[in-house]
Amino acid sequence: MTWTSISDMVQPEILMPYVAERIANTNNFIRSGVMAPNEALTAAMRSGGTTGKFPFYKPFDGDDEVLDDGATGELSLNAAETDSEQYAVLARGKAYSASDLSKAFSGSDPMRAVANSLADYWSNAYNGTLLSTAAGLFDAASFSDHVNDISGTGTPDFSSDAVIDTRAVLGDRANGLDVIVMHSKTLAAANKADLVEYLRISQYDPEVPFYLGMRVIVDDRVPYASGTGVTSVYLFGMGSFAYGGNTSPRPLEVDRDSLTGGGLDVLVSRSHHVIHPVGFNLDVSGISGSTPSNTEISDGTVEFTAARELKNIPMAELICTV
């Protein structure tokens, strides 16, 4: 019997574009618009370094001017001002042995099966990083005004009124919050109150929950204390996070260790990406490694400071009890 190795079945140059496409088509944060792929950011990452600058144009401000046919009717020239935010590259990896992939190998198209598995793994990992980032930035002193904490009552207090009050922290920009992210326990409470509407966005997709007109994303990595029921509910607008795609020089590598037992096939997947909260500078000087871990992002090791006017950052957090 001829042994077929991973390298015989997996062609990285064919597989990796499919992985990227599947992530874009299936990731809920990308599909909802909360995490927006940014080609300029990806291009900046290719220049190297573990941190970089993410440029943006400041919003136009000031009063408009009256148009006049006379000599004094010339409009004043105003400069389009730019600024930048500092982002951090996240270098992550995952390795699999042949036994880990044996189930995938049993299919009729092993390369497609491996590609699907990798795409689903990294999509889920990106979501975990985004939620860790949310936990860290909402704990930042410069963003405390975007947090509505009503959890001190000790009784269940998640309600539509609480969510509306949380949206109100953005003032006249409240309508810019399009997506609500919650723990499954919170979704259950919303369903019991008959406040969730399920809509089919596409005929090919399952129904999507909406709450107060906002698309619902459910993830049990959202903070939830099982003893007290205290939980976070995140509200995001379109483009709250900029996503820089995988720029690893070796995103996929296959190898064979002939000296291990009867031989061991290995597949290594790497991702160098950026999931940047738009409106913030990240200071990663306190991290232990070359790039930050999810724990360091969420626990205050990575410092977040607002780089834009707070009303122009479409994010808010409700801390409540369910």
C-alpha atoms as a PDB file:
ATOM      1  CA  MET A   1       0.000   0.000   0.000  1.00  0.00           C
ATOM      2  CA  THR A   2       1.407   3.414  -0.987  1.00  0.00           C
ATOM      3  CA  TRP A   3       1.391   6.024   1.794  1.00  0.00           C
ATOM      4  CA  THR A   4      -0.128   9.396   0.836  1.00  0.00           C
ATOM      5  CA  SER A   5       1.377  12.269   2.841  1.00  0.00           C
ATOM      6  CA  ILE A   6      -0.085  15.681   3.629  1.00  0.00           C
ATOM      7  CA  SER A   7       2.255  17.276   1.095  1.00  0.00           C
ATOM      8  CA  ASP A   8       0.776  15.046  -1.600  1.00  0.00           C
ATOM      9  CA  MET A   9      -2.736  16.341  -0.896  1.00  0.00           C
ATOM     10  CA  VAL A  10      -2.324  19.949   0.263  1.00  0.00           C
ATOM     11  CA  GLN A  11      -1.146  22.691  -2.100  1.00  0.00           C
ATOM     12  CA  PRO A  12      -0.749  25.948  -0.100  1.00  0.00           C
ATOM     13  CA  GLU A  13      -0.896  28.235  -3.151  1.00  0.00           C
ATOM     14  CA  ILE A  14      -4.339  26.853  -4.006  1.00  0.00           C
ATOM     15  CA  LEU A  15      -5.635  26.342  -0.499  1.00  0.00           C
ATOM     16  CA  MET A  16      -4.847  29.707   1.153  1.00  0.00           C
ATOM     17  CA  PRO A  17      -6.923  31.954  -1.190  1.00  0.00           C
ATOM     18  CA  TYR A  18      -9.874  29.653  -0.567  1.00  0.00           C
ATOM     19  CA  VAL A  19      -9.330  29.908   3.203  1.00  0.00           C
ATOM     20  CA  ALA A  20      -9.369  33.731   3.014  1.00  0.00           C
ATOM     21  CA  GLU A  21     -12.499  33.725   0.850  1.00  0.00           C
ATOM     22  CA  ARG A  22     -14.367  31.350   3.162  1.00  0.00           C
ATOM     23  CA  ILE A  23     -13.506  33.457   6.217  1.00  0.00           C
ATOM     24  CA  ALA A  24     -14.868  36.578   4.482  1.00  0.00           C
ATOM     25  CA  ASN A  25     -18.053  34.759   3.472  1.00  0.00           C
ATOM     26  CA  THR A  26     -18.839  33.041   6.766  1.00  0.00           C
ATOM     27  CA  ASN A  27     -17.505  35.221   9.608  1.00  0.00           C
ATOM     28  CA  ASN A  28     -20.433  36.939  11.342  1.00  0.00           C
ATOM     29  CA  PHE A  29     -18.456  40.042  12.329  1.00  0.00           C
ATOM     30  CA  ILE A  30     -17.246  40.532   8.765  1.00  0.00           C
ATOM     31  CA  ARG A  31     -20.645  39.790   7.192  1.00  0.00           C
ATOM     32  CA  SER A  32     -22.412  42.186   9.578  1.00  0.00           C
ATOM     33  CA  GLY A  33     -19.921  44.960   8.732  1.00  0.00           C
ATOM     34  CA  VAL A  34     -18.523  45.301  12.268  1.00  0.00           C
ATOM     35  CA  MET A  35     -15.099  44.035  11.147  1.00  0.00           C
ATOM     36  CA  ALA A  36     -14.223  45.602   7.810  1.00  0.00           C
ATOM     37  CA  PRO A  37     -11.362  44.210   5.681  1.00  0.00           C
ATOM     38  CA  ASN A  38      -8.987  47.081   4.896  1.00  0.00           C
ATOM     39  CA  GLU A  39      -6.605  46.701   1.959  1.00  0.00           C
ATOM     40  CA  ALA A  40      -4.582  49.772   2.953  1.00  0.00           C
ATOM     41  CA  LEU A  41      -3.995  48.252   6.377  1.00  0.00           C
ATOM     42  CA  THR A  42      -2.974  44.928   4.858  1.00  0.00           C
ATOM     43  CA  ALA A  43      -0.563  46.748   2.548  1.00  0.00           C
ATOM     44  CA  ALA A  44       0.955  48.635   5.492  1.00  0.00           C
ATOM     45  CA  MET A  45       1.478  45.352   7.337  1.00  0.00           C
ATOM     46  CA  ARG A  46       3.522  44.004   4.420  1.00  0.00           C
ATOM     47  CA  SER A  47       6.137  46.685   5.050  1.00  0.00           C
ATOM     48  CA  GLY A  48       7.123  44.779   8.189  1.00  0.00           C
ATOM     49  CA  GLY A  49       7.188  45.452  11.911  1.00  0.00           C
ATOM     50  CA  THR A  50       4.992  44.365  14.797  1.00  0.00           C
ATOM     51  CA  THR A  51       3.278  47.766  15.062  1.00  0.00           C
ATOM     52  CA  GLY A  52       2.392  50.459  12.564  1.00  0.00           C
ATOM     53  CA  LYS A  53       0.359  53.580  11.866  1.00  0.00           C
ATOM     54  CA  PHE A  54      -3.183  53.472  10.519  1.00  0.00           C
ATOM     55  CA  PRO A  55      -3.878  56.877   8.839  1.00  0.00           C
ATOM     56  CA  PHE A  56      -7.301  58.521   8.646  1.00  0.00           C
ATOM     57  CA  TYR A  57      -8.870  61.833   7.608  1.00  0.00           C
ATOM     58  CA  LYS A  58     -10.402  63.913  10.349  1.00  0.00           C
ATOM     59  CA  PRO A  59     -14.091  64.820   9.813  1.00  0.00           C
ATOM     60  CA  PHE A  60     -14.751  68.234   8.294  1.00  0.00           C
ATOM     61  CA  ASP A  61     -15.980  70.752  10.853  1.00  0.00           C
ATOM     62  CA  GLY A  62     -16.836  74.448  11.153  1.00  0.00           C
ATOM     63  CA  ASP A  63     -19.804  76.427   9.870  1.00  0.00           C
ATOM     64  CA  ASP A  64     -20.764  76.598   6.214  1.00  0.00           C
ATOM     65  CA  GLU A  65     -20.382  79.865   4.322  1.00  0.00           C
ATOM     66  CA  VAL A  66     -22.901  81.953   2.395  1.00  0.00           C
ATOM     67  CA  LEU A  67     -22.388  81.942  -1.374  1.00  0.00           C
ATOM     68  CA  ASP A  68     -22.374  85.391  -2.982  1.00  0.00           C
ATOM     69  CA  ASP A  69     -21.760  86.640  -6.532  1.00  0.00           C
ATOM     70  CA  GLY A  70     -19.797  89.616  -5.238  1.00  0.00           C
ATOM     71  CA  ALA A  71     -16.057  89.949  -4.775  1.00  0.00           C
ATOM     72  CA  THR A  72     -16.401  88.936  -1.122  1.00  0.00           C
ATOM     73  CA  GLY A  73     -18.136  85.695  -2.013  1.00  0.00           C
ATOM     74  CA  GLU A  74     -15.016  83.558  -2.236  1.00  0.00           C
ATOM     75  CA  LEU A  75     -15.068  80.486  -0.040  1.00  0.00           C
ATOM     76  CA  SER A  76     -12.322  80.108   2.547  1.00  0.00           C
ATOM     77  CA  LEU A  77      -9.913  77.248   1.927  1.00  0.00           C
ATOM     78  CA  ASN A  78      -9.771  74.661   4.714  1.00  0.00           C
ATOM     79  CA  ALA A  79      -7.135  71.961   4.885  1.00  0.00           C
ATOM     80  CA  ALA A  80      -8.203  68.315   4.975  1.00  0.00           C
ATOM     81  CA  GLU A  81      -6.498  67.264   8.192  1.00  0.00           C
ATOM     82  CA  THR A  82      -5.121  63.766   8.733  1.00  0.00           C
ATOM     83  CA  ASP A  83      -4.078  61.808  11.781  1.00  0.00           C
ATOM     84  CA  SER A  84      -3.142  58.224  12.529  1.00  0.00           C
ATOM     85  CA  GLU A  85      -3.743  55.418  14.985  1.00  0.00           C
ATOM     86  CA  GLN A  86      -1.204  52.851  16.108  1.00  0.00           C
ATOM     87  CA  TYR A  87      -2.108  49.230  15.464  1.00  0.00           C
ATOM     88  CA  ALA A  88      -0.470  45.992  16.603  1.00  0.00           C
ATOM     89  CA  VAL A  89       0.172  42.959  14.422  1.00  0.00           C
ATOM     90  CA  LEU A  90      -0.978  39.641  15.890  1.00  0.00           C
ATOM     91  CA  ALA A  91       1.257  36.707  14.964  1.00  0.00           C
ATOM     92  CA  ARG A  92      -0.476  33.423  15.743  1.00  0.00           C
ATOM     93  CA  GLY A  93      -0.114  29.811  14.671  1.00  0.00           C
ATOM     94  CA  LYS A  94      -1.581  26.319  14.985  1.00  0.00           C
ATOM     95  CA  ALA A  95      -0.015  22.945  14.199  1.00  0.00           C
ATOM     96  CA  TYR A  96      -1.740  19.650  13.416  1.00  0.00           C
ATOM     97  CA  SER A  97      -0.444  16.121  13.080  1.00  0.00           C
ATOM     98  CA  ALA A  98      -1.754  13.508  10.654  1.00  0.00           C
ATOM     99  CA  SER A  99      -3.885  11.891  13.341  1.00  0.00           C
ATOM    100  CA  ASP A 100      -5.570  15.241  14.011  1.00  0.00           C
ATOM    101  CA  LEU A 101      -6.521  15.428  10.346  1.00  0.00           C
ATOM    102  CA  SER A 102      -7.439  11.795   9.815  1.00  0.00           C
ATOM    103  CA  LYS A 103     -11.136  12.634   9.756  1.00  0.00           C
ATOM    104  CA  ALA A 104     -10.565  15.236   7.075  1.00  0.00           C
ATOM    105  CA  PHE A 105      -8.490  12.789   5.030  1.00  0.00           C
ATOM    106  CA  SER A 106     -11.402  10.366   4.909  1.00  0.00           C
ATOM    107  CA  GLY A 107     -13.347  12.669   2.575  1.00  0.00           C
ATOM    108  CA  SER A 108     -13.311  12.588  -1.192  1.00  0.00           C
ATOM    109  CA  ASP A 109     -11.662  16.027  -1.408  1.00  0.00           C
ATOM    110  CA  PRO A 110      -9.101  16.183   1.418  1.00  0.00           C
ATOM    111  CA  MET A 111      -7.665  19.561   0.404  1.00  0.00           C
ATOM    112  CA  ARG A 112     -11.112  21.197   0.489  1.00  0.00           C
ATOM    113  CA  ALA A 113     -11.815  19.534   3.837  1.00  0.00           C
ATOM    114  CA  VAL A 114      -8.545  20.846   5.286  1.00  0.00           C
ATOM    115  CA  ALA A 115      -9.235  24.317   3.846  1.00  0.00           C
ATOM    116  CA  ASN A 116     -12.711  24.413   5.406  1.00  0.00           C
ATOM    117  CA  SER A 117     -11.299  23.322   8.765  1.00  0.00           C
ATOM    118  CA  LEU A 118      -8.572  25.968   8.689  1.00  0.00           C
ATOM    119  CA  ALA A 119     -10.977  28.719   7.640  1.00  0.00           C
ATOM    120  CA  ASP A 120     -13.457  27.849  10.387  1.00  0.00           C
ATOM    121  CA  TYR A 121     -10.654  27.662  12.957  1.00  0.00           C
ATOM    122  CA  TRP A 122      -9.169  31.064  12.095  1.00  0.00           C
ATOM    123  CA  SER A 123     -12.577  32.715  11.751  1.00  0.00           C
ATOM    124  CA  ASN A 124     -13.422  31.597  15.275  1.00  0.00           C
ATOM    125  CA  ALA A 125      -9.980  32.689  16.520  1.00  0.00           C
ATOM    126  CA  TYR A 126     -10.423  36.159  14.988  1.00  0.00           C
ATOM    127  CA  ASN A 127     -13.755  36.511  16.788  1.00  0.00           C
ATOM    128  CA  GLY A 128     -12.082  35.621  20.078  1.00  0.00           C
ATOM    129  CA  THR A 129      -9.475  38.328  19.505  1.00  0.00           C
ATOM    130  CA  LEU A 130     -12.149  40.887  18.647  1.00  0.00           C
ATOM    131  CA  LEU A 131     -14.022  40.134  21.872  1.00  0.00           C
ATOM    132  CA  SER A 132     -10.785  40.300  23.896  1.00  0.00           C
ATOM    133  CA  THR A 133     -10.145  43.685  22.299  1.00  0.00           C
ATOM    134  CA  ALA A 134     -13.624  44.861  23.240  1.00  0.00           C
ATOM    135  CA  ALA A 135     -13.068  43.810  26.862  1.00  0.00           C
ATOM    136  CA  GLY A 136      -9.779  45.702  26.989  1.00  0.00           C
ATOM    137  CA  LEU A 137     -10.902  48.927  25.364  1.00  0.00           C
ATOM    138  CA  PHE A 138     -14.113  49.246  27.398  1.00  0.00           C
ATOM    139  CA  ASP A 139     -11.957  48.997  30.538  1.00  0.00           C
ATOM    140  CA  ALA A 140      -9.794  51.881  29.275  1.00  0.00           C
ATOM    141  CA  ALA A 141     -10.165  55.083  31.269  1.00  0.00           C
ATOM    142  CA  SER A 142     -10.463  57.152  28.097  1.00  0.00           C
ATOM    143  CA  PHE A 143     -13.552  55.172  27.034  1.00  0.00           C
ATOM    144  CA  SER A 144     -15.438  54.905  30.326  1.00  0.00           C
ATOM    145  CA  ASP A 145     -18.188  57.258  29.109  1.00  0.00           C
ATOM    146  CA  HIS A 146     -19.248  54.576  26.604  1.00  0.00           C
ATOM    147  CA  VAL A 147     -19.976  52.045  29.371  1.00  0.00           C
ATOM    148  CA  ASN A 148     -23.419  51.818  31.020  1.00  0.00           C
ATOM    149  CA  ASP A 149     -23.057  49.674  34.146  1.00  0.00           C
ATOM    150  CA  ILE A 150     -26.388  48.891  35.831  1.00  0.00           C
ATOM    151  CA  SER A 151     -25.353  45.570  37.361  1.00  0.00           C
ATOM    152  CA  GLY A 152     -25.237  46.768  40.954  1.00  0.00           C
ATOM    153  CA  THR A 153     -28.875  45.985  41.744  1.00  0.00           C
ATOM    154  CA  GLY A 154     -28.249  42.255  42.146  1.00  0.00           C
ATOM    155  CA  THR A 155     -31.427  41.438  40.237  1.00  0.00           C
ATOM    156  CA  PRO A 156     -31.972  40.685  36.533  1.00  0.00           C
ATOM    157  CA  ASP A 157     -32.004  44.053  34.786  1.00  0.00           C
ATOM    158  CA  PHE A 158     -31.356  43.352  31.114  1.00  0.00           C
ATOM    159  CA  SER A 159     -34.127  45.099  29.196  1.00  0.00           C
ATOM    160  CA  SER A 160     -34.868  47.086  26.084  1.00  0.00           C
ATOM    161  CA  ASP A 161     -34.798  50.262  28.201  1.00  0.00           C
ATOM    162  CA  ALA A 162     -31.283  49.410  29.369  1.00  0.00           C
ATOM    163  CA  VAL A 163     -30.122  48.881  25.779  1.00  0.00           C
ATOM    164  CA  ILE A 164     -31.745  52.151  24.665  1.00  0.00           C
ATOM    165  CA  ASP A 165     -30.011  53.989  27.521  1.00  0.00           C
ATOM    166  CA  THR A 166     -26.712  52.451  26.423  1.00  0.00           C
ATOM    167  CA  ARG A 167     -27.225  53.561  22.829  1.00  0.00           C
ATOM    168  CA  ALA A 168     -27.867  57.056  24.170  1.00  0.00           C
ATOM    169  CA  VAL A 169     -24.252  57.435  25.338  1.00  0.00           C
ATOM    170  CA  LEU A 170     -23.472  58.311  21.694  1.00  0.00           C
ATOM    171  CA  GLY A 171     -26.006  61.135  21.731  1.00  0.00           C
ATOM    172  CA  ASP A 172     -27.141  62.053  18.225  1.00  0.00           C
ATOM    173  CA  ARG A 173     -24.854  59.322  16.807  1.00  0.00           C
ATOM    174  CA  ALA A 174     -26.827  56.525  18.509  1.00  0.00           C
ATOM    175  CA  ASN A 175     -28.262  55.341  15.200  1.00  0.00           C
ATOM    176  CA  GLY A 176     -24.743  54.397  14.167  1.00  0.00           C
ATOM    177  CA  LEU A 177     -24.924  51.312  16.392  1.00  0.00           C
ATOM    178  CA  ASP A 178     -26.091  48.509  14.105  1.00  0.00           C
ATOM    179  CA  VAL A 179     -24.999  45.263  15.799  1.00  0.00           C
ATOM    180  CA  ILE A 180     -25.487  43.927  19.325  1.00  0.00           C
ATOM    181  CA  VAL A 181     -23.223  41.163  20.650  1.00  0.00           C
ATOM    182  CA  MET A 182     -24.335  39.079  23.610  1.00  0.00           C
ATOM    183  CA  HIS A 183     -23.914  35.824  25.515  1.00  0.00           C
ATOM    184  CA  SER A 184     -26.396  33.040  24.773  1.00  0.00           C
ATOM    185  CA  LYS A 185     -27.891  33.538  28.271  1.00  0.00           C
ATOM    186  CA  THR A 186     -28.723  37.115  27.312  1.00  0.00           C
ATOM    187  CA  LEU A 187     -30.287  36.027  24.033  1.00  0.00           C
ATOM    188  CA  ALA A 188     -32.445  33.567  25.994  1.00  0.00           C
ATOM    189  CA  ALA A 189     -33.652  36.402  28.239  1.00  0.00           C
ATOM    190  CA  ALA A 190     -34.443  38.531  25.177  1.00  0.00           C
ATOM    191  CA  ASN A 191     -36.360  35.663  23.594  1.00  0.00           C
ATOM    192  CA  LYS A 192     -38.389  35.150  26.767  1.00  0.00           C
ATOM    193  CA  ALA A 193     -39.359  38.819  26.628  1.00  0.00           C
ATOM    194  CA  ASP A 194     -40.431  38.292  22.993  1.00  0.00           C
ATOM    195  CA  LEU A 195     -38.121  41.074  21.814  1.00  0.00           C
ATOM    196  CA  VAL A 196     -36.142  39.151  19.173  1.00  0.00           C
ATOM    197  CA  GLU A 197     -37.182  39.069  15.539  1.00  0.00           C
ATOM    198  CA  TYR A 198     -35.737  36.422  13.232  1.00  0.00           C
ATOM    199  CA  LEU A 199     -35.228  37.439   9.615  1.00  0.00           C
ATOM    200  CA  ARG A 200     -33.794  35.621   6.616  1.00  0.00           C
ATOM    201  CA  ILE A 201     -31.265  37.946   4.966  1.00  0.00           C
ATOM    202  CA  SER A 202     -30.486  35.514   2.164  1.00  0.00           C
ATOM    203  CA  GLN A 203     -32.414  32.537   0.872  1.00  0.00           C
ATOM    204  CA  TYR A 204     -29.281  30.449   1.314  1.00  0.00           C
ATOM    205  CA  ASP A 205     -28.654  31.398   4.960  1.00  0.00           C
ATOM    206  CA  PRO A 206     -30.443  30.539   8.205  1.00  0.00           C
ATOM    207  CA  GLU A 207     -32.575  33.154   9.912  1.00  0.00           C
ATOM    208  CA  VAL A 208     -30.674  35.923  11.715  1.00  0.00           C
ATOM    209  CA  PRO A 209     -31.856  37.367  15.067  1.00  0.00           C
ATOM    210  CA  PHE A 210     -32.465  41.123  15.394  1.00  0.00           C
ATOM    211  CA  TYR A 211     -33.011  43.049  18.646  1.00  0.00           C
ATOM    212  CA  LEU A 212     -34.391  46.600  18.538  1.00  0.00           C
ATOM    213  CA  GLY A 213     -33.458  46.686  14.869  1.00  0.00           C
ATOM    214  CA  MET A 214     -29.855  45.632  15.535  1.00  0.00           C
ATOM    215  CA  ARG A 215     -28.393  42.428  14.177  1.00  0.00           C
ATOM    216  CA  VAL A 216     -27.562  39.998  16.989  1.00  0.00           C
ATOM    217  CA  ILE A 217     -24.278  38.096  17.194  1.00  0.00           C
ATOM    218  CA  VAL A 218     -24.138  35.467  19.927  1.00  0.00           C
ATOM    219  CA  ASP A 219     -20.817  34.318  21.379  1.00  0.00           C
ATOM    220  CA  ASP A 220     -20.313  32.670  24.756  1.00  0.00           C
ATOM    221  CA  ARG A 221     -16.893  34.306  25.092  1.00  0.00           C
ATOM    222  CA  VAL A 222     -18.725  37.533  25.939  1.00  0.00           C
ATOM    223  CA  PRO A 223     -18.083  38.057  29.683  1.00  0.00           C
ATOM    224  CA  TYR A 224     -20.656  36.262  31.835  1.00  0.00           C
ATOM    225  CA  ALA A 225     -20.391  35.400  35.552  1.00  0.00           C
ATOM    226  CA  SER A 226     -22.280  32.165  36.166  1.00  0.00           C
ATOM    227  CA  GLY A 227     -22.696  32.845  39.877  1.00  0.00           C
ATOM    228  CA  THR A 228     -24.176  36.333  39.649  1.00  0.00           C
ATOM    229  CA  GLY A 229     -25.420  36.489  36.054  1.00  0.00           C
ATOM    230  CA  VAL A 230     -23.508  39.731  35.467  1.00  0.00           C
ATOM    231  CA  THR A 231     -22.699  39.987  31.771  1.00  0.00           C
ATOM    232  CA  SER A 232     -21.591  42.408  29.085  1.00  0.00           C
ATOM    233  CA  VAL A 233     -23.557  43.373  26.006  1.00  0.00           C
ATOM    234  CA  TYR A 234     -21.563  45.072  23.244  1.00  0.00           C
ATOM    235  CA  LEU A 235     -23.030  47.481  20.705  1.00  0.00           C
ATOM    236  CA  PHE A 236     -21.022  48.161  17.551  1.00  0.00           C
ATOM    237  CA  GLY A 237     -21.396  50.180  14.389  1.00  0.00           C
ATOM    238  CA  MET A 238     -20.286  49.389  10.871  1.00  0.00           C
ATOM    239  CA  GLY A 239     -16.516  49.404  10.566  1.00  0.00           C
ATOM    240  CA  SER A 240     -15.865  49.454  14.308  1.00  0.00           C
ATOM    241  CA  PHE A 241     -12.879  47.186  13.673  1.00  0.00           C
ATOM    242  CA  ALA A 242     -10.445  47.277  10.756  1.00  0.00           C
ATOM    243  CA  TYR A 243      -9.168  43.879   9.639  1.00  0.00           C
ATOM    244  CA  GLY A 244      -5.782  43.423   8.026  1.00  0.00           C
ATOM    245  CA  GLY A 245      -5.530  40.026   6.338  1.00  0.00           C
ATOM    246  CA  ASN A 246      -2.949  37.323   6.771  1.00  0.00           C
ATOM    247  CA  THR A 247       0.491  38.568   5.684  1.00  0.00           C
ATOM    248  CA  SER A 248       2.541  35.675   7.055  1.00  0.00           C
ATOM    249  CA  PRO A 249       5.357  34.798   4.607  1.00  0.00           C
ATOM    250  CA  ARG A 250       4.632  31.105   5.271  1.00  0.00           C
ATOM    251  CA  PRO A 251       0.899  30.912   6.072  1.00  0.00           C
ATOM    252  CA  LEU A 252       0.822  27.160   5.505  1.00  0.00           C
ATOM    253  CA  GLU A 253       3.607  24.643   5.759  1.00  0.00           C
ATOM    254  CA  VAL A 254       3.604  20.859   5.536  1.00  0.00           C
ATOM    255  CA  ASP A 255       6.315  18.557   6.793  1.00  0.00           C
ATOM    256  CA  ARG A 256       7.024  14.931   7.581  1.00  0.00           C
ATOM    257  CA  ASP A 257       8.984  13.648  10.555  1.00  0.00           C
ATOM    258  CA  SER A 258      10.212  10.248   9.393  1.00  0.00           C
ATOM    259  CA  LEU A 259      11.961   9.482  12.695  1.00  0.00           C
ATOM    260  CA  THR A 260       8.835   9.645  14.879  1.00  0.00           C
ATOM    261  CA  GLY A 261       7.393   6.149  15.252  1.00  0.00           C
ATOM    262  CA  GLY A 262       6.147   5.070  11.873  1.00  0.00           C
ATOM    263  CA  GLY A 263       6.420   8.632  10.582  1.00  0.00           C
ATOM    264  CA  LEU A 264       4.331  11.691  11.361  1.00  0.00           C
ATOM    265  CA  ASP A 265       2.792  14.144   8.911  1.00  0.00           C
ATOM    266  CA  VAL A 266       2.523  17.716  10.187  1.00  0.00           C
ATOM    267  CA  LEU A 267       0.576  20.733   8.950  1.00  0.00           C
ATOM    268  CA  VAL A 268       1.405  24.186  10.367  1.00  0.00           C
ATOM    269  CA  SER A 269      -0.921  27.145   9.844  1.00  0.00           C
ATOM    270  CA  ARG A 270       0.229  30.704  10.610  1.00  0.00           C
ATOM    271  CA  SER A 271      -1.619  34.011  10.585  1.00  0.00           C
ATOM    272  CA  HIS A 272      -0.138  37.494  10.847  1.00  0.00           C
ATOM    273  CA  HIS A 273      -3.187  39.752  11.027  1.00  0.00           C
ATOM    274  CA  VAL A 274      -4.549  42.931  12.557  1.00  0.00           C
ATOM    275  CA  ILE A 275      -7.934  43.378  14.234  1.00  0.00           C
ATOM    276  CA  HIS A 276      -7.811  47.062  15.101  1.00  0.00           C
ATOM    277  CA  PRO A 277     -10.506  48.971  17.033  1.00  0.00           C
ATOM    278  CA  VAL A 278     -11.001  52.051  14.882  1.00  0.00           C
ATOM    279  CA  GLY A 279     -10.560  55.216  16.930  1.00  0.00           C
ATOM    280  CA  PHE A 280      -7.833  53.957  19.262  1.00  0.00           C
ATOM    281  CA  ASN A 281      -4.077  53.899  19.676  1.00  0.00           C
ATOM    282  CA  LEU A 282      -2.613  50.661  21.046  1.00  0.00           C
ATOM    283  CA  ASP A 283       0.462  50.732  23.286  1.00  0.00           C
ATOM    284  CA  VAL A 284       1.946  47.224  23.391  1.00  0.00           C
ATOM    285  CA  SER A 285       5.192  48.119  25.190  1.00  0.00           C
ATOM    286  CA  GLY A 286       4.216  46.032  28.236  1.00  0.00           C
ATOM    287  CA  ILE A 287       3.630  42.692  26.487  1.00  0.00           C
ATOM    288  CA  SER A 288       5.834  39.683  27.220  1.00  0.00           C
ATOM    289  CA  GLY A 289       6.322  38.427  23.648  1.00  0.00           C
ATOM    290  CA  SER A 290       6.823  39.952  20.243  1.00  0.00           C
ATOM    291  CA  THR A 291       3.086  40.378  19.647  1.00  0.00           C
ATOM    292  CA  PRO A 292       0.223  40.515  22.180  1.00  0.00           C
ATOM    293  CA  SER A 293      -1.841  37.557  23.332  1.00  0.00           C
ATOM    294  CA  ASN A 294      -5.617  37.746  23.767  1.00  0.00           C
ATOM    295  CA  THR A 295      -5.118  37.812  27.544  1.00  0.00           C
ATOM    296  CA  GLU A 296      -2.759  40.778  27.314  1.00  0.00           C
ATOM    297  CA  ILE A 297      -5.229  42.554  25.040  1.00  0.00           C
ATOM    298  CA  SER A 298      -8.107  42.130  27.493  1.00  0.00           C
ATOM    299  CA  ASP A 299      -6.427  42.500  30.904  1.00  0.00           C
ATOM    300  CA  GLY A 300      -4.945  45.991  30.555  1.00  0.00           C
ATOM    301  CA  THR A 301      -1.426  44.980  29.510  1.00  0.00           C
ATOM    302  CA  VAL A 302      -2.184  46.495  26.109  1.00  0.00           C
ATOM    303  CA  GLU A 303      -3.163  50.112  26.679  1.00  0.00           C
ATOM    304  CA  PHE A 304      -5.972  51.702  24.648  1.00  0.00           C
ATOM    305  CA  THR A 305      -6.239  55.466  24.285  1.00  0.00           C
ATOM    306  CA  ALA A 306      -8.875  57.201  22.179  1.00  0.00           C
ATOM    307  CA  ALA A 307      -7.475  58.856  19.050  1.00  0.00           C
ATOM    308  CA  ARG A 308     -10.759  60.358  17.842  1.00  0.00           C
ATOM    309  CA  GLU A 309     -13.647  62.293  19.329  1.00  0.00           C
ATOM    310  CA  LEU A 310     -15.591  59.773  21.409  1.00  0.00           C
ATOM    311  CA  LYS A 311     -18.911  60.433  19.640  1.00  0.00           C
ATOM    312  CA  ASN A 312     -17.239  59.346  16.415  1.00  0.00           C
ATOM    313  CA  ILE A 313     -16.407  55.904  17.819  1.00  0.00           C
ATOM    314  CA  PRO A 314     -19.556  53.738  17.330  1.00  0.00           C
ATOM    315  CA  MET A 315     -19.149  51.373  20.250  1.00  0.00           C
ATOM    316  CA  ALA A 316     -20.840  51.025  23.630  1.00  0.00           C
ATOM    317  CA  GLU A 317     -21.073  48.458  26.424  1.00  0.00           C
ATOM    318  CA  LEU A 318     -23.961  47.553  28.697  1.00  0.00           C
ATOM    319  CA  ILE A 319     -23.038  45.702  31.897  1.00  0.00           C
ATOM    320  CA  CYS A 320     -26.160  44.136  33.360  1.00  0.00           C
ATOM    321  CA  THR A 321     -27.560  41.025  35.016  1.00  0.00           C
ATOM    322  CA  VAL A 322     -29.545  38.243  33.357  1.00  0.00           C
END
